[in-house]
Amino acid sequence: MSRRQQQFNELRDLCVAGRVARAIDLAFEYFASFGRQDEIIDLLAHAVENADDLGRVRQRFAELCASPG
């Protein structure tokens, strides 16, 4: 399995586990390494809707979406 796929799987697993803030942090790293990917933005957007710490998570997600990737 490629490093790219491993990181994507980790992002997905973090979202499923409710660790959305960590997933967003990892997405910054993913985008820096592999470029922006709409599939990840969609995955995170869905997870953000269900996040507990909404204020901080939404702010961090907005920062990710605004980054050049």
PDB file of N, CA and C in Angstrom:
ATOM      1  N   MET A   1       0.852  -1.174   0.000  1.00  0.00           N
ATOM      2  CA  MET A   1       0.000   0.000   0.000  1.00  0.00           C
ATOM      3  C   MET A   1       0.901   1.242   0.000  1.00  0.00           C
ATOM      4  N   SER A   2       0.550   2.207  -0.801  1.00  0.00           N
ATOM      5  CA  SER A   2       1.356   3.422  -0.911  1.00  0.00           C
ATOM      6  C   SER A   2       1.207   4.309   0.326  1.00  0.00           C
ATOM      7  N   ARG A   3       2.184   5.163   0.516  1.00  0.00           N
ATOM      8  CA  ARG A   3       2.142   6.116   1.636  1.00  0.00           C
ATOM      9  C   ARG A   3       0.907   7.019   1.523  1.00  0.00           C
ATOM     10  N   ARG A   4       0.602   7.411   0.318  1.00  0.00           N
ATOM     11  CA  ARG A   4      -0.575   8.255   0.079  1.00  0.00           C
ATOM     12  C   ARG A   4      -1.850   7.547   0.547  1.00  0.00           C
ATOM     13  N   GLN A   5      -2.000   6.289   0.170  1.00  0.00           N
ATOM     14  CA  GLN A   5      -3.178   5.512   0.564  1.00  0.00           C
ATOM     15  C   GLN A   5      -3.211   5.292   2.072  1.00  0.00           C
ATOM     16  N   GLN A   6      -2.054   5.048   2.673  1.00  0.00           N
ATOM     17  CA  GLN A   6      -1.994   4.853   4.119  1.00  0.00           C
ATOM     18  C   GLN A   6      -2.456   6.112   4.853  1.00  0.00           C
ATOM     19  N   GLN A   7      -2.003   7.270   4.401  1.00  0.00           N
ATOM     20  CA  GLN A   7      -2.412   8.508   5.057  1.00  0.00           C
ATOM     21  C   GLN A   7      -3.898   8.778   4.840  1.00  0.00           C
ATOM     22  N   PHE A   8      -4.394   8.484   3.642  1.00  0.00           N
ATOM     23  CA  PHE A   8      -5.829   8.652   3.396  1.00  0.00           C
ATOM     24  C   PHE A   8      -6.625   7.750   4.336  1.00  0.00           C
ATOM     25  N   ASN A   9      -6.208   6.502   4.468  1.00  0.00           N
ATOM     26  CA  ASN A   9      -6.901   5.572   5.363  1.00  0.00           C
ATOM     27  C   ASN A   9      -6.867   6.070   6.804  1.00  0.00           C
ATOM     28  N   GLU A  10      -5.728   6.617   7.216  1.00  0.00           N
ATOM     29  CA  GLU A  10      -5.625   7.150   8.570  1.00  0.00           C
ATOM     30  C   GLU A  10      -6.567   8.341   8.760  1.00  0.00           C
ATOM     31  N   LEU A  11      -6.641   9.209   7.761  1.00  0.00           N
ATOM     32  CA  LEU A  11      -7.582  10.339   7.824  1.00  0.00           C
ATOM     33  C   LEU A  11      -9.016   9.842   7.991  1.00  0.00           C
ATOM     34  N   ARG A  12      -9.379   8.879   7.171  1.00  0.00           N
ATOM     35  CA  ARG A  12     -10.727   8.317   7.233  1.00  0.00           C
ATOM     36  C   ARG A  12     -11.001   7.705   8.596  1.00  0.00           C
ATOM     37  N   ASP A  13     -10.055   6.937   9.107  1.00  0.00           N
ATOM     38  CA  ASP A  13     -10.224   6.280  10.404  1.00  0.00           C
ATOM     39  C   ASP A  13     -10.351   7.296  11.535  1.00  0.00           C
ATOM     40  N   LEU A  14      -9.571   8.366  11.464  1.00  0.00           N
ATOM     41  CA  LEU A  14      -9.678   9.422  12.474  1.00  0.00           C
ATOM     42  C   LEU A  14     -11.059  10.069  12.447  1.00  0.00           C
ATOM     43  N   CYS A  15     -11.568  10.305  11.257  1.00  0.00           N
ATOM     44  CA  CYS A  15     -12.906  10.904  11.132  1.00  0.00           C
ATOM     45  C   CYS A  15     -13.971   9.985  11.714  1.00  0.00           C
ATOM     46  N   VAL A  16     -13.878   8.715  11.405  1.00  0.00           N
ATOM     47  CA  VAL A  16     -14.845   7.732  11.914  1.00  0.00           C
ATOM     48  C   VAL A  16     -14.782   7.667  13.438  1.00  0.00           C
ATOM     49  N   ALA A  17     -13.580   7.786  13.989  1.00  0.00           N
ATOM     50  CA  ALA A  17     -13.395   7.714  15.440  1.00  0.00           C
ATOM     51  C   ALA A  17     -13.760   9.016  16.151  1.00  0.00           C
ATOM     52  N   GLY A  18     -14.123  10.047  15.377  1.00  0.00           N
ATOM     53  CA  GLY A  18     -14.499  11.318  15.984  1.00  0.00           C
ATOM     54  C   GLY A  18     -13.318  12.215  16.317  1.00  0.00           C
ATOM     55  N   ARG A  19     -12.142  11.877  15.842  1.00  0.00           N
ATOM     56  CA  ARG A  19     -10.935  12.669  16.102  1.00  0.00           C
ATOM     57  C   ARG A  19     -10.704  13.629  14.937  1.00  0.00           C
ATOM     58  N   VAL A  20     -11.696  14.482  14.725  1.00  0.00           N
ATOM     59  CA  VAL A  20     -11.725  15.349  13.551  1.00  0.00           C
ATOM     60  C   VAL A  20     -10.611  16.385  13.574  1.00  0.00           C
ATOM     61  N   ALA A  21     -10.324  16.957  14.730  1.00  0.00           N
ATOM     62  CA  ALA A  21      -9.259  17.956  14.812  1.00  0.00           C
ATOM     63  C   ALA A  21      -7.922  17.346  14.380  1.00  0.00           C
ATOM     64  N   ARG A  22      -7.644  16.146  14.832  1.00  0.00           N
ATOM     65  CA  ARG A  22      -6.400  15.473  14.429  1.00  0.00           C
ATOM     66  C   ARG A  22      -6.413  15.157  12.940  1.00  0.00           C
ATOM     67  N   ALA A  23      -7.557  14.761  12.416  1.00  0.00           N
ATOM     68  CA  ALA A  23      -7.665  14.472  10.988  1.00  0.00           C
ATOM     69  C   ALA A  23      -7.384  15.724  10.155  1.00  0.00           C
ATOM     70  N   ILE A  24      -7.877  16.861  10.615  1.00  0.00           N
ATOM     71  CA  ILE A  24      -7.628  18.109   9.894  1.00  0.00           C
ATOM     72  C   ILE A  24      -6.141  18.442   9.912  1.00  0.00           C
ATOM     73  N   ASP A  25      -5.504  18.273  11.059  1.00  0.00           N
ATOM     74  CA  ASP A  25      -4.056  18.500  11.130  1.00  0.00           C
ATOM     75  C   ASP A  25      -3.313  17.585  10.162  1.00  0.00           C
ATOM     76  N   LEU A  26      -3.703  16.329  10.110  1.00  0.00           N
ATOM     77  CA  LEU A  26      -3.074  15.387   9.202  1.00  0.00           C
ATOM     78  C   LEU A  26      -3.351  15.773   7.743  1.00  0.00           C
ATOM     79  N   ALA A  27      -4.522  16.321   7.471  1.00  0.00           N
ATOM     80  CA  ALA A  27      -4.851  16.744   6.116  1.00  0.00           C
ATOM     81  C   ALA A  27      -3.911  17.852   5.639  1.00  0.00           C
ATOM     82  N   PHE A  28      -3.527  18.761   6.535  1.00  0.00           N
ATOM     83  CA  PHE A  28      -2.542  19.779   6.166  1.00  0.00           C
ATOM     84  C   PHE A  28      -1.253  19.109   5.680  1.00  0.00           C
ATOM     85  N   GLU A  29      -0.804  18.105   6.406  1.00  0.00           N
ATOM     86  CA  GLU A  29       0.408  17.381   6.024  1.00  0.00           C
ATOM     87  C   GLU A  29       0.202  16.642   4.700  1.00  0.00           C
ATOM     88  N   TYR A  30      -0.952  16.019   4.554  1.00  0.00           N
ATOM     89  CA  TYR A  30      -1.268  15.279   3.330  1.00  0.00           C
ATOM     90  C   TYR A  30      -1.236  16.215   2.133  1.00  0.00           C
ATOM     91  N   PHE A  31      -1.887  17.369   2.256  1.00  0.00           N
ATOM     92  CA  PHE A  31      -1.926  18.318   1.147  1.00  0.00           C
ATOM     93  C   PHE A  31      -0.531  18.831   0.809  1.00  0.00           C
ATOM     94  N   ALA A  32       0.294  19.039   1.820  1.00  0.00           N
ATOM     95  CA  ALA A  32       1.665  19.492   1.583  1.00  0.00           C
ATOM     96  C   ALA A  32       2.462  18.435   0.811  1.00  0.00           C
ATOM     97  N   SER A  33       2.196  17.189   1.078  1.00  0.00           N
ATOM     98  CA  SER A  33       2.931  16.107   0.419  1.00  0.00           C
ATOM     99  C   SER A  33       2.360  15.720  -0.938  1.00  0.00           C
ATOM    100  N   PHE A  34       1.024  15.689  -1.034  1.00  0.00           N
ATOM    101  CA  PHE A  34       0.391  15.114  -2.221  1.00  0.00           C
ATOM    102  C   PHE A  34      -0.519  16.072  -2.980  1.00  0.00           C
ATOM    103  N   GLY A  35      -0.685  17.269  -2.463  1.00  0.00           N
ATOM    104  CA  GLY A  35      -1.587  18.219  -3.109  1.00  0.00           C
ATOM    105  C   GLY A  35      -3.002  18.095  -2.567  1.00  0.00           C
ATOM    106  N   ARG A  36      -3.760  19.093  -2.878  1.00  0.00           N
ATOM    107  CA  ARG A  36      -5.147  19.174  -2.419  1.00  0.00           C
ATOM    108  C   ARG A  36      -5.981  18.087  -3.104  1.00  0.00           C
ATOM    109  N   GLN A  37      -6.928  17.533  -2.350  1.00  0.00           N
ATOM    110  CA  GLN A  37      -7.779  16.478  -2.891  1.00  0.00           C
ATOM    111  C   GLN A  37      -9.214  16.711  -2.412  1.00  0.00           C
ATOM    112  N   ASP A  38     -10.136  16.872  -3.359  1.00  0.00           N
ATOM    113  CA  ASP A  38     -11.530  17.146  -3.021  1.00  0.00           C
ATOM    114  C   ASP A  38     -12.155  16.040  -2.188  1.00  0.00           C
ATOM    115  N   GLU A  39     -11.744  14.816  -2.417  1.00  0.00           N
ATOM    116  CA  GLU A  39     -12.288  13.684  -1.662  1.00  0.00           C
ATOM    117  C   GLU A  39     -12.014  13.844  -0.163  1.00  0.00           C
ATOM    118  N   ILE A  40     -10.851  14.377   0.169  1.00  0.00           N
ATOM    119  CA  ILE A  40     -10.509  14.584   1.577  1.00  0.00           C
ATOM    120  C   ILE A  40     -11.305  15.748   2.153  1.00  0.00           C
ATOM    121  N   ILE A  41     -11.462  16.814   1.384  1.00  0.00           N
ATOM    122  CA  ILE A  41     -12.282  17.943   1.839  1.00  0.00           C
ATOM    123  C   ILE A  41     -13.702  17.457   2.121  1.00  0.00           C
ATOM    124  N   ASP A  42     -14.255  16.646   1.234  1.00  0.00           N
ATOM    125  CA  ASP A  42     -15.612  16.111   1.429  1.00  0.00           C
ATOM    126  C   ASP A  42     -15.692  15.221   2.669  1.00  0.00           C
ATOM    127  N   LEU A  43     -14.701  14.370   2.844  1.00  0.00           N
ATOM    128  CA  LEU A  43     -14.650  13.494   4.013  1.00  0.00           C
ATOM    129  C   LEU A  43     -14.628  14.314   5.299  1.00  0.00           C
ATOM    130  N   LEU A  44     -13.776  15.329   5.326  1.00  0.00           N
ATOM    131  CA  LEU A  44     -13.667  16.170   6.515  1.00  0.00           C
ATOM    132  C   LEU A  44     -14.921  17.018   6.731  1.00  0.00           C
ATOM    133  N   ALA A  45     -15.512  17.506   5.660  1.00  0.00           N
ATOM    134  CA  ALA A  45     -16.727  18.319   5.787  1.00  0.00           C
ATOM    135  C   ALA A  45     -17.827  17.522   6.473  1.00  0.00           C
ATOM    136  N   HIS A  46     -17.969  16.276   6.096  1.00  0.00           N
ATOM    137  CA  HIS A  46     -18.972  15.421   6.729  1.00  0.00           C
ATOM    138  C   HIS A  46     -18.641  15.190   8.204  1.00  0.00           C
ATOM    139  N   ALA A  47     -17.363  14.966   8.498  1.00  0.00           N
ATOM    140  CA  ALA A  47     -16.942  14.728   9.877  1.00  0.00           C
ATOM    141  C   ALA A  47     -17.123  15.979  10.737  1.00  0.00           C
ATOM    142  N   VAL A  48     -16.868  17.145  10.155  1.00  0.00           N
ATOM    143  CA  VAL A  48     -17.010  18.405  10.901  1.00  0.00           C
ATOM    144  C   VAL A  48     -18.461  18.599  11.337  1.00  0.00           C
ATOM    145  N   GLU A  49     -19.405  18.200  10.515  1.00  0.00           N
ATOM    146  CA  GLU A  49     -20.827  18.326  10.852  1.00  0.00           C
ATOM    147  C   GLU A  49     -21.163  17.554  12.125  1.00  0.00           C
ATOM    148  N   ASN A  50     -20.418  16.500  12.391  1.00  0.00           N
ATOM    149  CA  ASN A  50     -20.695  15.631  13.540  1.00  0.00           C
ATOM    150  C   ASN A  50     -19.699  15.805  14.690  1.00  0.00           C
ATOM    151  N   ALA A  51     -18.846  16.815  14.605  1.00  0.00           N
ATOM    152  CA  ALA A  51     -17.787  17.001  15.603  1.00  0.00           C
ATOM    153  C   ALA A  51     -18.331  17.567  16.910  1.00  0.00           C
ATOM    154  N   ASP A  52     -17.644  17.241  17.998  1.00  0.00           N
ATOM    155  CA  ASP A  52     -18.023  17.727  19.323  1.00  0.00           C
ATOM    156  C   ASP A  52     -17.555  19.155  19.567  1.00  0.00           C
ATOM    157  N   ASP A  53     -16.282  19.426  19.331  1.00  0.00           N
ATOM    158  CA  ASP A  53     -15.685  20.737  19.586  1.00  0.00           C
ATOM    159  C   ASP A  53     -15.872  21.601  18.344  1.00  0.00           C
ATOM    160  N   LEU A  54     -17.108  21.929  18.076  1.00  0.00           N
ATOM    161  CA  LEU A  54     -17.475  22.540  16.809  1.00  0.00           C
ATOM    162  C   LEU A  54     -16.744  23.830  16.485  1.00  0.00           C
ATOM    163  N   GLY A  55     -16.640  24.737  17.436  1.00  0.00           N
ATOM    164  CA  GLY A  55     -16.017  26.023  17.156  1.00  0.00           C
ATOM    165  C   GLY A  55     -14.595  25.882  16.654  1.00  0.00           C
ATOM    166  N   ARG A  56     -13.776  25.197  17.392  1.00  0.00           N
ATOM    167  CA  ARG A  56     -12.368  25.025  17.029  1.00  0.00           C
ATOM    168  C   ARG A  56     -12.222  24.178  15.770  1.00  0.00           C
ATOM    169  N   VAL A  57     -12.992  23.131  15.660  1.00  0.00           N
ATOM    170  CA  VAL A  57     -12.900  22.248  14.496  1.00  0.00           C
ATOM    171  C   VAL A  57     -13.308  22.990  13.237  1.00  0.00           C
ATOM    172  N   ARG A  58     -14.376  23.740  13.291  1.00  0.00           N
ATOM    173  CA  ARG A  58     -14.811  24.495  12.107  1.00  0.00           C
ATOM    174  C   ARG A  58     -13.790  25.549  11.709  1.00  0.00           C
ATOM    175  N   GLN A  59     -13.205  26.196  12.693  1.00  0.00           N
ATOM    176  CA  GLN A  59     -12.178  27.204  12.401  1.00  0.00           C
ATOM    177  C   GLN A  59     -10.982  26.562  11.698  1.00  0.00           C
ATOM    178  N   ARG A  60     -10.548  25.451  12.221  1.00  0.00           N
ATOM    179  CA  ARG A  60      -9.394  24.751  11.649  1.00  0.00           C
ATOM    180  C   ARG A  60      -9.722  24.218  10.253  1.00  0.00           C
ATOM    181  N   PHE A  61     -10.954  23.740  10.050  1.00  0.00           N
ATOM    182  CA  PHE A  61     -11.368  23.251   8.741  1.00  0.00           C
ATOM    183  C   PHE A  61     -11.403  24.408   7.738  1.00  0.00           C
ATOM    184  N   ALA A  62     -11.873  25.570   8.160  1.00  0.00           N
ATOM    185  CA  ALA A  62     -11.891  26.751   7.289  1.00  0.00           C
ATOM    186  C   ALA A  62     -10.463  27.126   6.890  1.00  0.00           C
ATOM    187  N   GLU A  63      -9.527  27.034   7.825  1.00  0.00           N
ATOM    188  CA  GLU A  63      -8.126  27.318   7.524  1.00  0.00           C
ATOM    189  C   GLU A  63      -7.592  26.336   6.481  1.00  0.00           C
ATOM    190  N   LEU A  64      -7.953  25.065   6.619  1.00  0.00           N
ATOM    191  CA  LEU A  64      -7.519  24.058   5.663  1.00  0.00           C
ATOM    192  C   LEU A  64      -8.085  24.364   4.277  1.00  0.00           C
ATOM    193  N   CYS A  65      -9.361  24.680   4.219  1.00  0.00           N
ATOM    194  CA  CYS A  65      -9.997  24.957   2.923  1.00  0.00           C
ATOM    195  C   CYS A  65      -9.403  26.198   2.258  1.00  0.00           C
ATOM    196  N   ALA A  66      -8.966  27.152   3.064  1.00  0.00           N
ATOM    197  CA  ALA A  66      -8.395  28.395   2.524  1.00  0.00           C
ATOM    198  C   ALA A  66      -6.932  28.248   2.134  1.00  0.00           C
ATOM    199  N   SER A  67      -6.288  27.194   2.601  1.00  0.00           N
ATOM    200  CA  SER A  67      -4.865  27.023   2.303  1.00  0.00           C
ATOM    201  C   SER A  67      -4.687  26.653   0.834  1.00  0.00           C
ATOM    202  N   PRO A  68      -3.567  27.084   0.259  1.00  0.00           N
ATOM    203  CA  PRO A  68      -3.330  26.785  -1.160  1.00  0.00           C
ATOM    204  C   PRO A  68      -3.092  25.305  -1.444  1.00  0.00           C
ATOM    205  N   GLY A  69      -2.770  24.536  -0.386  1.00  0.00           N
ATOM    206  CA  GLY A  69      -2.652  23.097  -0.529  1.00  0.00           C
ATOM    207  C   GLY A  69      -1.421  22.659  -1.195  1.00  0.00           C
TER     208      GLY A  69
END
